[in-house]
């Protein structure tokens, strides 16, 4: 089956080319745009004419830089420096874990155990001092 590719600057109608874009067609579309914008009949602005020309010639409203970025494959658009390989950022631990991977609960338990050990050592030292005074 032969394909009938439409050439550039040919208006399609129901996927059938209906001819080249002429100045008259651009003017007609500009009048339609002006009418849709609420302008008086025959009050076509230069902006309406430019929009009609862009539409009929399938030109983009975007600036050339944006059009270039849009033409890149979707997978490459995220890359701020095209061609750079990038690198894997180091994984940061969750906020409730410390550098050793302990959860907040585990950290609190460890702190409690250390505190209890200190208390026991202080009490033992005080008891030893009291016994030393008694035995002397």
N, C-alpha and C. Protein backbone atom coordinates (compact mmCIF):
# COMPACT_ATOMS: atom_id res chain seq x y z
N UNK A 1 0.84 -1.17 0.00
CA UNK A 1 0.00 0.00 0.00
C UNK A 1 0.89 1.24 0.00
N UNK A 2 0.69 2.11 -0.96
CA UNK A 2 1.49 3.31 -1.06
C UNK A 2 0.97 4.36 -0.09
N UNK A 3 1.92 5.05 0.55
CA UNK A 3 1.55 6.13 1.45
C UNK A 3 1.53 7.42 0.66
N UNK A 4 0.64 8.30 1.02
CA UNK A 4 0.54 9.60 0.38
C UNK A 4 0.99 10.65 1.39
N UNK A 5 2.29 10.84 1.54
CA UNK A 5 2.76 11.80 2.53
C UNK A 5 2.41 13.22 2.11
N UNK A 6 1.93 13.97 3.08
CA UNK A 6 1.62 15.36 2.80
C UNK A 6 2.91 16.16 2.83
N UNK A 7 3.08 17.00 1.85
CA UNK A 7 4.28 17.82 1.85
C UNK A 7 4.10 18.98 2.82
N UNK A 8 5.20 19.55 3.25
CA UNK A 8 5.16 20.66 4.19
C UNK A 8 4.44 21.84 3.53
N UNK A 9 3.73 22.58 4.36
CA UNK A 9 2.97 23.76 3.93
C UNK A 9 1.78 23.41 3.06
N UNK A 10 1.26 22.20 3.17
CA UNK A 10 0.04 21.82 2.46
C UNK A 10 -1.02 21.56 3.50
N UNK A 11 -2.15 22.23 3.38
CA UNK A 11 -3.23 22.08 4.36
C UNK A 11 -3.92 20.75 4.20
N UNK A 12 -4.05 20.00 5.29
CA UNK A 12 -4.80 18.75 5.20
C UNK A 12 -6.26 18.96 5.58
N UNK A 13 -7.14 18.23 4.96
CA UNK A 13 -8.56 18.23 5.33
C UNK A 13 -9.00 16.78 5.28
N UNK A 14 -9.34 16.23 6.45
CA UNK A 14 -9.65 14.81 6.55
C UNK A 14 -8.51 13.96 5.99
N UNK A 15 -7.28 14.37 6.32
CA UNK A 15 -6.05 13.67 5.92
C UNK A 15 -5.83 13.66 4.41
N UNK A 16 -6.45 14.58 3.70
CA UNK A 16 -6.22 14.73 2.27
C UNK A 16 -5.69 16.14 2.06
N UNK A 17 -4.58 16.28 1.38
CA UNK A 17 -4.03 17.60 1.14
C UNK A 17 -4.97 18.43 0.27
N UNK A 18 -5.19 19.69 0.67
CA UNK A 18 -6.09 20.54 -0.11
C UNK A 18 -5.38 21.72 -0.74
N UNK A 19 -4.07 21.70 -0.72
CA UNK A 19 -3.34 22.74 -1.41
C UNK A 19 -2.34 23.46 -0.53
N UNK A 20 -1.59 24.32 -1.18
CA UNK A 20 -0.56 25.08 -0.48
C UNK A 20 -1.17 26.22 0.32
N UNK A 21 -0.43 26.68 1.31
CA UNK A 21 -0.86 27.81 2.12
C UNK A 21 -0.62 29.07 1.31
N UNK A 22 -1.67 29.83 1.10
CA UNK A 22 -1.55 31.08 0.37
C UNK A 22 -1.80 32.23 1.32
N UNK A 23 -1.47 33.43 0.87
CA UNK A 23 -1.69 34.63 1.67
C UNK A 23 -3.18 34.79 1.95
N UNK A 24 -4.01 34.47 0.98
CA UNK A 24 -5.45 34.60 1.17
C UNK A 24 -5.96 33.64 2.25
N UNK A 25 -5.42 32.44 2.29
CA UNK A 25 -5.83 31.48 3.33
C UNK A 25 -5.38 31.96 4.71
N UNK A 26 -4.19 32.55 4.77
CA UNK A 26 -3.70 33.08 6.04
C UNK A 26 -4.60 34.23 6.49
N UNK A 27 -4.97 35.09 5.56
CA UNK A 27 -5.87 36.21 5.90
C UNK A 27 -7.22 35.71 6.38
N UNK A 28 -7.74 34.67 5.72
CA UNK A 28 -9.04 34.11 6.12
C UNK A 28 -8.95 33.54 7.53
N UNK A 29 -7.88 32.84 7.82
CA UNK A 29 -7.72 32.27 9.17
C UNK A 29 -7.52 33.39 10.18
N UNK A 30 -6.82 34.45 9.82
CA UNK A 30 -6.62 35.58 10.72
C UNK A 30 -7.96 36.23 11.04
N UNK A 31 -8.87 36.34 10.05
CA UNK A 31 -10.20 36.89 10.30
C UNK A 31 -10.97 36.00 11.27
N UNK A 32 -10.83 34.67 11.12
CA UNK A 32 -11.49 33.74 12.04
C UNK A 32 -10.96 33.92 13.47
N UNK A 33 -9.64 34.04 13.59
CA UNK A 33 -9.01 34.21 14.91
C UNK A 33 -9.49 35.52 15.54
N UNK A 34 -9.54 36.60 14.73
CA UNK A 34 -10.00 37.89 15.25
C UNK A 34 -11.46 37.79 15.71
N UNK A 35 -12.29 37.11 14.94
CA UNK A 35 -13.69 36.94 15.29
C UNK A 35 -13.82 36.16 16.59
N UNK A 36 -13.04 35.08 16.74
CA UNK A 36 -13.08 34.28 17.96
C UNK A 36 -12.58 35.07 19.17
N UNK A 37 -11.68 36.02 18.94
CA UNK A 37 -11.14 36.84 20.02
C UNK A 37 -12.08 37.98 20.39
N UNK A 38 -13.17 38.13 19.64
CA UNK A 38 -14.14 39.17 19.95
C UNK A 38 -13.87 40.51 19.29
N UNK A 39 -12.97 40.52 18.33
CA UNK A 39 -12.69 41.77 17.61
C UNK A 39 -13.83 42.06 16.63
N UNK A 40 -13.95 43.32 16.26
CA UNK A 40 -14.96 43.70 15.28
C UNK A 40 -14.63 43.05 13.94
N UNK A 41 -15.68 42.85 13.12
CA UNK A 41 -15.50 42.24 11.80
C UNK A 41 -14.52 43.11 11.00
N UNK A 42 -13.49 42.47 10.48
CA UNK A 42 -12.50 43.17 9.68
C UNK A 42 -11.39 43.80 10.50
N UNK A 43 -11.48 43.71 11.83
CA UNK A 43 -10.45 44.29 12.69
C UNK A 43 -9.43 43.21 13.05
N UNK A 44 -8.57 42.89 12.07
CA UNK A 44 -7.55 41.85 12.25
C UNK A 44 -6.26 42.53 12.68
N UNK A 45 -5.72 42.06 13.81
CA UNK A 45 -4.48 42.64 14.31
C UNK A 45 -3.29 41.90 13.71
N UNK A 46 -2.12 42.52 13.76
CA UNK A 46 -0.92 41.81 13.30
C UNK A 46 -0.69 40.51 14.08
N UNK A 47 -1.07 40.49 15.37
CA UNK A 47 -0.91 39.27 16.17
C UNK A 47 -1.82 38.16 15.64
N UNK A 48 -3.04 38.52 15.22
CA UNK A 48 -3.95 37.53 14.65
C UNK A 48 -3.36 36.96 13.36
N UNK A 49 -2.80 37.83 12.54
CA UNK A 49 -2.19 37.40 11.28
C UNK A 49 -1.01 36.46 11.54
N UNK A 50 -0.17 36.82 12.51
CA UNK A 50 0.99 35.98 12.84
C UNK A 50 0.55 34.62 13.38
N UNK A 51 -0.50 34.62 14.23
CA UNK A 51 -0.99 33.35 14.76
C UNK A 51 -1.53 32.48 13.64
N UNK A 52 -2.27 33.07 12.73
CA UNK A 52 -2.82 32.32 11.60
C UNK A 52 -1.70 31.73 10.76
N UNK A 53 -0.68 32.52 10.54
CA UNK A 53 0.46 32.05 9.75
C UNK A 53 1.15 30.88 10.45
N UNK A 54 1.35 31.00 11.78
CA UNK A 54 1.98 29.90 12.53
C UNK A 54 1.12 28.64 12.47
N UNK A 55 -0.19 28.81 12.64
CA UNK A 55 -1.08 27.64 12.61
C UNK A 55 -1.06 26.95 11.26
N UNK A 56 -1.16 27.72 10.20
CA UNK A 56 -1.25 27.13 8.87
C UNK A 56 0.07 26.54 8.38
N UNK A 57 1.15 27.12 8.83
CA UNK A 57 2.45 26.60 8.44
C UNK A 57 2.99 25.62 9.47
N UNK A 58 2.16 25.30 10.46
CA UNK A 58 2.51 24.35 11.52
C UNK A 58 3.79 24.77 12.22
N UNK A 59 3.91 26.06 12.47
CA UNK A 59 5.05 26.57 13.21
C UNK A 59 4.68 26.62 14.68
N UNK A 60 5.65 26.49 15.51
CA UNK A 60 5.43 26.44 16.95
C UNK A 60 5.33 27.85 17.53
N UNK A 61 4.54 27.97 18.62
CA UNK A 61 4.47 29.23 19.36
C UNK A 61 5.68 29.37 20.29
N UNK A 62 6.47 28.33 20.40
CA UNK A 62 7.58 28.31 21.33
C UNK A 62 8.79 28.99 20.73
N UNK A 63 9.66 29.45 21.62
CA UNK A 63 10.90 30.03 21.13
C UNK A 63 11.80 28.90 20.63
N UNK A 64 12.80 29.21 19.83
CA UNK A 64 13.63 28.17 19.23
C UNK A 64 14.31 27.26 20.26
N UNK A 65 14.74 27.83 21.39
CA UNK A 65 15.41 27.01 22.41
C UNK A 65 14.43 25.99 22.98
N UNK A 66 13.21 26.43 23.28
CA UNK A 66 12.20 25.52 23.83
C UNK A 66 11.82 24.46 22.80
N UNK A 67 11.70 24.87 21.54
CA UNK A 67 11.36 23.91 20.48
C UNK A 67 12.46 22.86 20.35
N UNK A 68 13.73 23.28 20.50
CA UNK A 68 14.85 22.34 20.43
C UNK A 68 14.77 21.34 21.58
N UNK A 69 14.48 21.83 22.79
CA UNK A 69 14.37 20.94 23.94
C UNK A 69 13.22 19.96 23.77
N UNK A 70 12.11 20.43 23.21
CA UNK A 70 10.95 19.57 22.98
C UNK A 70 11.26 18.49 21.95
N UNK A 71 12.18 18.78 21.03
CA UNK A 71 12.48 17.80 19.99
C UNK A 71 13.36 16.66 20.50
N UNK A 72 13.98 16.84 21.67
CA UNK A 72 14.83 15.79 22.24
C UNK A 72 13.95 14.63 22.72
N UNK A 73 14.49 13.41 22.71
CA UNK A 73 13.72 12.27 23.22
C UNK A 73 13.36 12.49 24.69
N UNK A 74 12.22 11.99 25.09
CA UNK A 74 11.72 12.17 26.45
C UNK A 74 12.74 11.73 27.50
N UNK A 75 13.45 10.64 27.21
CA UNK A 75 14.41 10.11 28.19
C UNK A 75 15.61 11.04 28.39
N UNK A 76 15.89 11.91 27.42
CA UNK A 76 17.05 12.81 27.54
C UNK A 76 16.68 14.19 28.05
N UNK A 77 15.40 14.51 28.17
CA UNK A 77 15.00 15.87 28.54
C UNK A 77 15.37 16.24 29.97
N UNK A 78 15.46 15.27 30.86
CA UNK A 78 15.77 15.56 32.25
C UNK A 78 17.20 16.01 32.43
N UNK A 79 18.07 15.64 31.51
CA UNK A 79 19.50 15.85 31.67
C UNK A 79 19.85 17.32 31.47
N UNK A 80 20.30 18.02 32.54
CA UNK A 80 20.63 19.43 32.40
C UNK A 80 21.87 19.68 31.56
N UNK A 81 22.78 18.70 31.50
CA UNK A 81 23.98 18.82 30.68
C UNK A 81 23.99 17.63 29.74
N UNK A 82 23.45 17.80 28.52
CA UNK A 82 23.40 16.67 27.60
C UNK A 82 24.78 16.06 27.39
N UNK A 83 24.83 14.76 27.41
CA UNK A 83 26.09 14.06 27.20
C UNK A 83 26.79 13.67 28.49
N UNK A 84 26.40 14.26 29.61
CA UNK A 84 27.05 13.89 30.87
C UNK A 84 26.42 12.61 31.40
N UNK A 85 27.25 11.76 31.96
CA UNK A 85 26.76 10.48 32.49
C UNK A 85 26.08 10.65 33.83
N UNK A 86 26.44 11.71 34.56
CA UNK A 86 25.87 11.92 35.89
C UNK A 86 26.48 10.96 36.89
N UNK A 87 25.94 10.94 38.09
CA UNK A 87 26.41 10.02 39.12
C UNK A 87 25.28 9.73 40.08
N UNK A 88 25.41 8.64 40.78
CA UNK A 88 24.41 8.23 41.76
C UNK A 88 24.67 8.99 43.05
N UNK A 89 23.68 9.70 43.53
CA UNK A 89 23.81 10.42 44.79
C UNK A 89 23.83 9.41 45.93
N UNK A 90 24.62 9.68 46.97
CA UNK A 90 24.64 8.75 48.10
C UNK A 90 23.28 8.73 48.78
N UNK A 91 22.91 7.56 49.22
CA UNK A 91 21.62 7.40 49.86
C UNK A 91 21.71 7.91 51.28
N UNK A 92 20.83 8.82 51.64
CA UNK A 92 20.84 9.32 53.00
C UNK A 92 19.95 8.44 53.87
N UNK A 93 20.36 8.24 55.12
CA UNK A 93 19.55 7.39 55.98
C UNK A 93 18.21 8.06 56.29
N UNK A 94 17.22 7.27 56.60
CA UNK A 94 15.94 7.86 56.99
C UNK A 94 16.14 8.76 58.21
N UNK A 95 15.25 9.73 58.36
CA UNK A 95 15.43 10.70 59.43
C UNK A 95 15.40 10.08 60.82
N UNK A 96 14.72 8.97 60.98
CA UNK A 96 14.63 8.37 62.31
C UNK A 96 15.73 7.36 62.57
N UNK A 97 16.75 7.30 61.70
CA UNK A 97 17.87 6.39 61.91
C UNK A 97 19.16 7.20 62.03
N UNK A 98 20.10 6.69 62.83
CA UNK A 98 21.39 7.35 62.93
C UNK A 98 22.35 6.78 61.88
N UNK A 99 23.63 7.19 61.95
CA UNK A 99 24.61 6.76 60.96
C UNK A 99 24.83 5.25 60.97
N UNK A 100 24.59 4.62 62.12
CA UNK A 100 24.81 3.18 62.24
C UNK A 100 23.57 2.37 61.87
N UNK A 101 22.49 3.06 61.46
CA UNK A 101 21.28 2.37 61.03
C UNK A 101 20.34 2.00 62.17
N UNK A 102 20.56 2.58 63.34
CA UNK A 102 19.69 2.28 64.47
C UNK A 102 18.47 3.19 64.45
N UNK A 103 17.32 2.62 64.75
CA UNK A 103 16.08 3.40 64.78
C UNK A 103 16.05 4.28 66.02
N UNK A 104 15.09 5.22 66.05
CA UNK A 104 14.97 6.10 67.21
C UNK A 104 14.70 5.29 68.47
N UNK A 105 13.87 4.28 68.37
CA UNK A 105 13.55 3.45 69.53
C UNK A 105 14.80 2.76 70.06
N UNK A 106 15.58 2.20 69.14
CA UNK A 106 16.81 1.52 69.55
C UNK A 106 17.79 2.51 70.18
N UNK A 107 17.86 3.71 69.63
CA UNK A 107 18.74 4.74 70.19
C UNK A 107 18.31 5.10 71.61
N UNK A 108 17.00 5.27 71.81
CA UNK A 108 16.49 5.60 73.15
C UNK A 108 16.75 4.48 74.15
N UNK A 109 16.57 3.23 73.72
CA UNK A 109 16.84 2.10 74.60
C UNK A 109 18.31 2.08 74.99
N UNK A 110 19.20 2.28 74.03
CA UNK A 110 20.64 2.29 74.32
C UNK A 110 21.00 3.41 75.29
N UNK A 111 20.41 4.59 75.08
CA UNK A 111 20.67 5.70 76.00
C UNK A 111 20.18 5.35 77.40
N UNK A 112 19.03 4.72 77.49
CA UNK A 112 18.49 4.32 78.80
C UNK A 112 19.38 3.30 79.50
N UNK A 113 19.90 2.34 78.72
CA UNK A 113 20.79 1.32 79.29
C UNK A 113 22.06 1.99 79.81
N UNK A 114 22.63 2.90 79.02
CA UNK A 114 23.86 3.59 79.44
C UNK A 114 23.60 4.42 80.70
N UNK A 115 22.48 5.08 80.75
CA UNK A 115 22.12 5.88 81.92
C UNK A 115 21.97 4.98 83.15
N UNK A 116 21.32 3.83 82.97
CA UNK A 116 21.15 2.90 84.09
C UNK A 116 22.50 2.37 84.58
N UNK A 117 23.42 2.08 83.65
CA UNK A 117 24.75 1.62 84.03
C UNK A 117 25.49 2.68 84.84
N UNK A 118 25.39 3.94 84.41
CA UNK A 118 26.04 5.04 85.15
C UNK A 118 25.46 5.14 86.56
N UNK A 119 24.13 5.08 86.64
CA UNK A 119 23.48 5.16 87.95
C UNK A 119 23.96 4.03 88.86
N UNK A 120 24.05 2.82 88.32
CA UNK A 120 24.51 1.69 89.12
C UNK A 120 25.95 1.89 89.59
N UNK A 121 26.80 2.40 88.69
CA UNK A 121 28.20 2.62 89.07
C UNK A 121 28.29 3.70 90.16
N UNK A 122 27.49 4.76 90.04
CA UNK A 122 27.51 5.82 91.05
C UNK A 122 27.01 5.27 92.39
N UNK A 123 25.93 4.51 92.36
CA UNK A 123 25.40 3.92 93.59
C UNK A 123 26.42 2.96 94.22
N UNK A 124 27.09 2.18 93.40
CA UNK A 124 28.10 1.25 93.92
C UNK A 124 29.26 2.02 94.55
N UNK A 125 29.67 3.13 93.89
CA UNK A 125 30.76 3.94 94.44
C UNK A 125 30.34 4.56 95.77
N UNK A 126 29.13 5.06 95.84
CA UNK A 126 28.64 5.66 97.09
C UNK A 126 28.55 4.59 98.20
N UNK A 127 28.09 3.42 97.83
CA UNK A 127 27.99 2.34 98.82
C UNK A 127 29.37 1.94 99.31
N UNK A 128 30.36 1.92 98.40
CA UNK A 128 31.73 1.56 98.79
C UNK A 128 32.30 2.62 99.72
N UNK A 129 32.01 3.89 99.44
CA UNK A 129 32.50 4.98 100.28
C UNK A 129 31.87 4.86 101.67
N UNK A 130 30.59 4.58 101.73
CA UNK A 130 29.91 4.44 103.02
C UNK A 130 30.47 3.26 103.81
N UNK A 131 30.73 2.16 103.13
CA UNK A 131 31.26 1.00 103.82
C UNK A 131 32.69 1.26 104.28
N UNK A 132 33.44 2.01 103.49
CA UNK A 132 34.82 2.36 103.87
C UNK A 132 34.84 3.21 105.11
N UNK A 133 33.89 4.10 105.22
CA UNK A 133 33.83 4.96 106.41
C UNK A 133 33.42 4.12 107.61
N UNK A 134 32.57 3.16 107.44
CA UNK A 134 32.11 2.34 108.54
C UNK A 134 33.22 1.42 109.04
N UNK A 135 33.99 0.89 108.11
CA UNK A 135 35.01 -0.07 108.52
C UNK A 135 36.26 0.63 109.07
N UNK A 136 36.41 1.92 108.86
CA UNK A 136 37.60 2.57 109.39
C UNK A 136 37.44 3.01 110.80
